[in-house]
C-alpha atoms as a PDB file:
ATOM      1  CA  MET A   1      -0.119   0.054  -0.438  1.00  0.00           C
ATOM      2  CA  LEU A   2       2.749   2.366   0.848  1.00  0.00           C
ATOM      3  CA  ARG A   3       4.118   2.478  -2.424  1.00  0.00           C
ATOM      4  CA  GLU A   4       0.646   2.361  -4.039  1.00  0.00           C
ATOM      5  CA  ILE A   5       0.323   5.963  -1.893  1.00  0.00           C
ATOM      6  CA  ARG A   6       4.523   6.777  -2.798  1.00  0.00           C
ATOM      7  CA  ASP A   7       2.489   6.255  -6.977  1.00  0.00           C
ATOM      8  CA  VAL A   8      -0.432   8.436  -5.901  1.00  0.00           C
ATOM      9  CA  LEU A   9       2.350  10.948  -4.751  1.00  0.00           C
ATOM     10  CA  ALA A  10       4.831  10.986  -7.893  1.00  0.00           C
ATOM     11  CA  GLU A  11       2.083  11.559 -10.335  1.00  0.00           C
ATOM     12  CA  HIS A  12       0.011  14.387  -8.993  1.00  0.00           C
ATOM     13  CA  LEU A  13       2.060  15.825  -6.625  1.00  0.00           C
ATOM     14  CA  GLN A  14       5.727  15.560  -8.251  1.00  0.00           C
ATOM     15  CA  VAL A  15       6.264  14.292  -4.935  1.00  0.00           C
ATOM     16  CA  SER A  16       9.601  11.511  -4.775  1.00  0.00           C
ATOM     17  CA  GLY A  17      11.655  10.029  -1.487  1.00  0.00           C
ATOM     18  CA  VAL A  18       9.165   9.648   1.024  1.00  0.00           C
ATOM     19  CA  ASP A  19       8.614   7.116   3.348  1.00  0.00           C
ATOM     20  CA  GLU A  20       5.742   6.208   6.157  1.00  0.00           C
ATOM     21  CA  HIS A  21       8.084   9.332   8.620  1.00  0.00           C
ATOM     22  CA  THR A  22       7.949  11.630   6.410  1.00  0.00           C
ATOM     23  CA  HIS A  23       5.323  14.455   7.497  1.00  0.00           C
ATOM     24  CA  LEU A  24       3.202  15.676   5.198  1.00  0.00           C
ATOM     25  CA  PHE A  25       2.873  19.266   5.793  1.00  0.00           C
ATOM     26  CA  ARG A  26       6.165  20.040   7.628  1.00  0.00           C
ATOM     27  CA  ASP A  27       8.045  18.255   5.237  1.00  0.00           C
ATOM     28  CA  LEU A  28       6.463  17.946   2.067  1.00  0.00           C
ATOM     29  CA  GLU A  29       5.172  21.763   2.243  1.00  0.00           C
ATOM     30  CA  LEU A  30       2.242  20.669   0.743  1.00  0.00           C
ATOM     31  CA  ASP A  31      -0.683  24.194   0.742  1.00  0.00           C
ATOM     32  CA  SER A  32      -4.340  24.007   0.810  1.00  0.00           C
ATOM     33  CA  VAL A  33      -4.878  22.865  -3.146  1.00  0.00           C
ATOM     34  CA  GLN A  34      -1.917  19.895  -2.831  1.00  0.00           C
ATOM     35  CA  GLN A  35      -3.785  19.049   0.074  1.00  0.00           C
ATOM     36  CA  LEU A  36      -7.299  18.163  -1.486  1.00  0.00           C
ATOM     37  CA  THR A  37      -6.260  16.541  -4.825  1.00  0.00           C
ATOM     38  CA  PHE A  38      -3.834  14.453  -3.248  1.00  0.00           C
ATOM     39  CA  VAL A  39      -7.202  13.845  -0.812  1.00  0.00           C
ATOM     40  CA  VAL A  40      -9.172  13.394  -4.143  1.00  0.00           C
ATOM     41  CA  GLU A  41      -7.031  11.306  -5.611  1.00  0.00           C
ATOM     42  CA  ILE A  42      -5.929   8.662  -2.870  1.00  0.00           C
ATOM     43  CA  GLU A  43      -9.919   8.311  -2.426  1.00  0.00           C
ATOM     44  CA  ASN A  44      -9.797   8.086  -6.120  1.00  0.00           C
ATOM     45  CA  HIS A  45      -6.958   5.134  -6.858  1.00  0.00           C
ATOM     46  CA  PHE A  46      -8.392   2.640  -2.852  1.00  0.00           C
ATOM     47  CA  GLU A  47     -12.336   4.116  -4.302  1.00  0.00           C
ATOM     48  CA  ILE A  48     -13.192   4.688  -0.512  1.00  0.00           C
ATOM     49  CA  CYS A  49     -13.857   7.672   1.073  1.00  0.00           C
ATOM     50  CA  PHE A  50     -12.939   9.568   4.091  1.00  0.00           C
ATOM     51  CA  ASP A  51     -15.535  11.419   6.860  1.00  0.00           C
ATOM     52  CA  ASP A  52     -15.069  14.514   8.459  1.00  0.00           C
ATOM     53  CA  GLY A  53     -12.575  14.217  10.326  1.00  0.00           C
ATOM     54  CA  ASP A  54      -9.878  12.029   8.967  1.00  0.00           C
ATOM     55  CA  GLU A  55      -7.406  14.189   7.876  1.00  0.00           C
ATOM     56  CA  ALA A  56      -7.352  15.801  11.038  1.00  0.00           C
ATOM     57  CA  THR A  57      -5.829  12.608  11.698  1.00  0.00           C
ATOM     58  CA  ILE A  58      -3.965  12.134   9.339  1.00  0.00           C
ATOM     59  CA  GLN A  59       0.034  13.690   9.081  1.00  0.00           C
ATOM     60  CA  THR A  60       2.419  11.594   7.936  1.00  0.00           C
ATOM     61  CA  VAL A  61       2.475   9.092   4.940  1.00  0.00           C
ATOM     62  CA  GLY A  62       1.959   5.728   7.142  1.00  0.00           C
ATOM     63  CA  ASP A  63      -1.025   7.952   8.810  1.00  0.00           C
ATOM     64  CA  VAL A  64      -2.125   7.605   5.248  1.00  0.00           C
ATOM     65  CA  VAL A  65      -1.277   3.932   4.945  1.00  0.00           C
ATOM     66  CA  ASP A  66      -3.500   2.985   8.148  1.00  0.00           C
ATOM     67  CA  ALA A  67      -6.788   5.208   7.185  1.00  0.00           C
ATOM     68  CA  VAL A  68      -7.102   3.889   3.402  1.00  0.00           C
ATOM     69  CA  SER A  69      -5.846   0.248   5.196  1.00  0.00           C
ATOM     70  CA  ARG A  70      -8.671   1.085   8.216  1.00  0.00           C
ATOM     71  CA  LYS A  71     -11.326   2.702   5.275  1.00  0.00           C
ATOM     72  CA  LEU A  72     -10.682  -1.103   3.335  1.00  0.00           C
ATOM     73  CA  LEU A  73     -11.760  -2.709   5.742  1.00  0.00           C
ATOM     74  CA  ASP A  74     -14.566  -1.727   6.982  1.00  0.00           C
ATOM     75  CA  SER A  75     -15.872  -1.607   2.804  1.00  0.00           C
END
């Protein structure tokens, strides 16, 4: 799953060299448009839908992996 999230970051935000500890805001310095793009592309790629407030718990790439995993298990 980490590889797929890396692929989304690379394809849609031209970001590479991330691991599960990479902080989306501090390390990647994503602005609000990039954040929205990332969320939408992750939802599209994995065919999930985040709930309101889910993004508040997501700070790192590892958090994204965890959130996507939970959504896939719930569906």
